[in-house]
Protein backbone atom coordinates (compact mmCIF):
# COMPACT_ATOMS: atom_id res chain seq x y z
CA GLY A 1 -28.98 -48.07 43.41
CA SER A 2 -31.63 -45.47 43.09
CA SER A 3 -30.78 -41.97 41.98
CA GLN A 4 -32.39 -38.84 43.32
CA ARG A 5 -32.87 -35.73 41.17
CA LEU A 6 -32.00 -32.48 42.87
CA PRO A 7 -33.40 -29.13 41.76
CA THR A 8 -30.96 -27.05 39.74
CA ARG A 9 -31.95 -23.74 41.31
CA GLU A 10 -32.98 -22.91 44.86
CA LYS A 11 -33.97 -19.38 45.90
CA SER A 12 -33.56 -19.58 49.65
CA PHE A 13 -30.71 -20.22 52.03
CA VAL A 14 -32.02 -23.51 53.39
CA PRO A 15 -31.10 -27.08 52.85
CA ARG A 16 -34.30 -29.05 53.01
CA PRO A 17 -35.58 -29.30 55.77
CA PRO A 18 -34.84 -25.71 56.95
CA ILE A 19 -31.84 -25.21 59.17
CA ALA A 20 -32.02 -24.22 62.80
CA LEU A 21 -30.26 -20.97 63.53
CA ARG A 22 -29.69 -20.87 67.29
CA LEU A 23 -28.08 -23.21 69.76
CA SER A 24 -29.40 -22.77 73.25
CA ALA A 25 -26.60 -23.18 75.81
CA MET A 26 -28.96 -24.18 78.60
CA THR A 27 -30.79 -26.93 76.75
CA GLU A 28 -28.12 -27.76 74.16
CA SER A 29 -30.82 -27.99 71.52
CA LEU A 30 -31.42 -26.33 68.18
CA THR A 31 -34.32 -23.95 67.72
CA TYR A 32 -35.68 -22.98 64.32
CA ARG A 33 -35.86 -19.18 64.03
CA GLY A 34 -36.46 -18.71 60.32
CA CYS A 35 -34.94 -18.64 56.87
CA LEU A 36 -32.13 -16.51 55.44
CA GLN A 37 -32.64 -15.89 51.73
CA GLY A 38 -29.92 -15.05 49.26
CA HIS A 39 -28.26 -18.06 47.62
CA ARG A 40 -29.45 -19.08 44.16
CA ASN A 41 -28.68 -22.79 44.60
CA TRP A 42 -28.26 -25.43 47.30
CA VAL A 43 -26.31 -24.52 50.43
CA THR A 44 -23.46 -26.99 50.92
CA SER A 45 -21.92 -25.84 54.21
CA ILE A 46 -22.53 -23.51 57.15
CA ALA A 47 -19.98 -22.31 59.71
CA THR A 48 -19.78 -20.02 62.72
CA THR A 49 -17.45 -19.49 65.67
CA TYR A 50 -18.07 -19.57 69.38
CA GLU A 51 -16.66 -16.06 69.76
CA GLN A 52 -18.95 -14.51 67.12
CA SER A 53 -21.98 -16.79 67.09
CA ASN A 54 -24.12 -14.01 65.60
CA LEU A 55 -22.10 -14.30 62.35
CA VAL A 56 -22.71 -17.24 60.02
CA VAL A 57 -20.91 -18.02 56.75
CA SER A 58 -22.59 -20.22 54.16
CA ALA A 59 -21.16 -21.89 51.05
CA SER A 60 -23.30 -22.78 48.04
CA ARG A 61 -23.46 -24.54 44.71
CA ASP A 62 -24.11 -21.06 43.23
CA LYS A 63 -20.31 -20.47 43.51
CA THR A 64 -20.61 -17.93 46.34
CA LEU A 65 -20.01 -17.61 50.06
CA MET A 66 -22.33 -15.39 52.07
CA VAL A 67 -21.64 -13.73 55.42
CA TRP A 68 -24.80 -13.37 57.51
CA GLU A 69 -25.45 -11.45 60.70
CA LEU A 70 -28.16 -12.91 62.91
CA THR A 71 -30.35 -10.39 64.70
CA PRO A 72 -31.43 -10.96 68.31
CA ASP A 73 -35.12 -11.79 68.61
CA GLY A 74 -36.21 -9.27 66.00
CA TYR A 75 -38.78 -9.42 63.22
CA GLN A 76 -36.04 -10.48 60.82
CA VAL A 77 -33.84 -13.51 61.58
CA GLY A 78 -30.80 -11.84 60.07
CA TYR A 79 -29.40 -10.25 56.95
CA ALA A 80 -26.63 -10.76 54.42
CA ARG A 81 -23.60 -8.61 55.28
CA ARG A 82 -21.56 -9.65 52.26
CA CYS A 83 -21.61 -11.97 49.25
CA LEU A 84 -18.17 -13.31 48.28
CA THR A 85 -17.94 -14.13 44.57
CA GLY A 86 -15.20 -15.24 42.19
CA HIS A 87 -15.18 -19.01 42.58
CA GLY A 88 -15.19 -20.89 39.28
CA GLN A 89 -16.91 -23.96 40.71
CA PRO A 90 -19.56 -24.63 43.39
CA VAL A 91 -18.18 -24.07 46.90
CA ALA A 92 -18.26 -27.40 48.72
CA SER A 93 -17.43 -26.36 52.27
CA VAL A 94 -16.54 -23.50 54.58
CA VAL A 95 -14.57 -23.61 57.84
CA LEU A 96 -13.83 -20.70 60.17
CA SER A 97 -10.93 -20.49 62.56
CA SER A 98 -10.88 -18.24 65.61
CA ASP A 99 -7.12 -17.77 65.51
């Protein structure tokens, strides 16, 4: 089969194409609001909960997890609340539980 080369470093928090950051309950569709920047490599997973949908956690090949807070309809889409470091390998996935 064919092999695809992936970049070794990525400066923004977006898998290509950019991710959508809001789910509209009325239309059940995704709406692109912008880009959150912070990871230094590909984002591998994104998670949120229904109870705190303004908080998003992302996992990355840069061996970090980032906790983001989305801002409501402001100039900025959101900001990084915390960067969780200490993993020895790229972080493949993140799952949040509301319990």
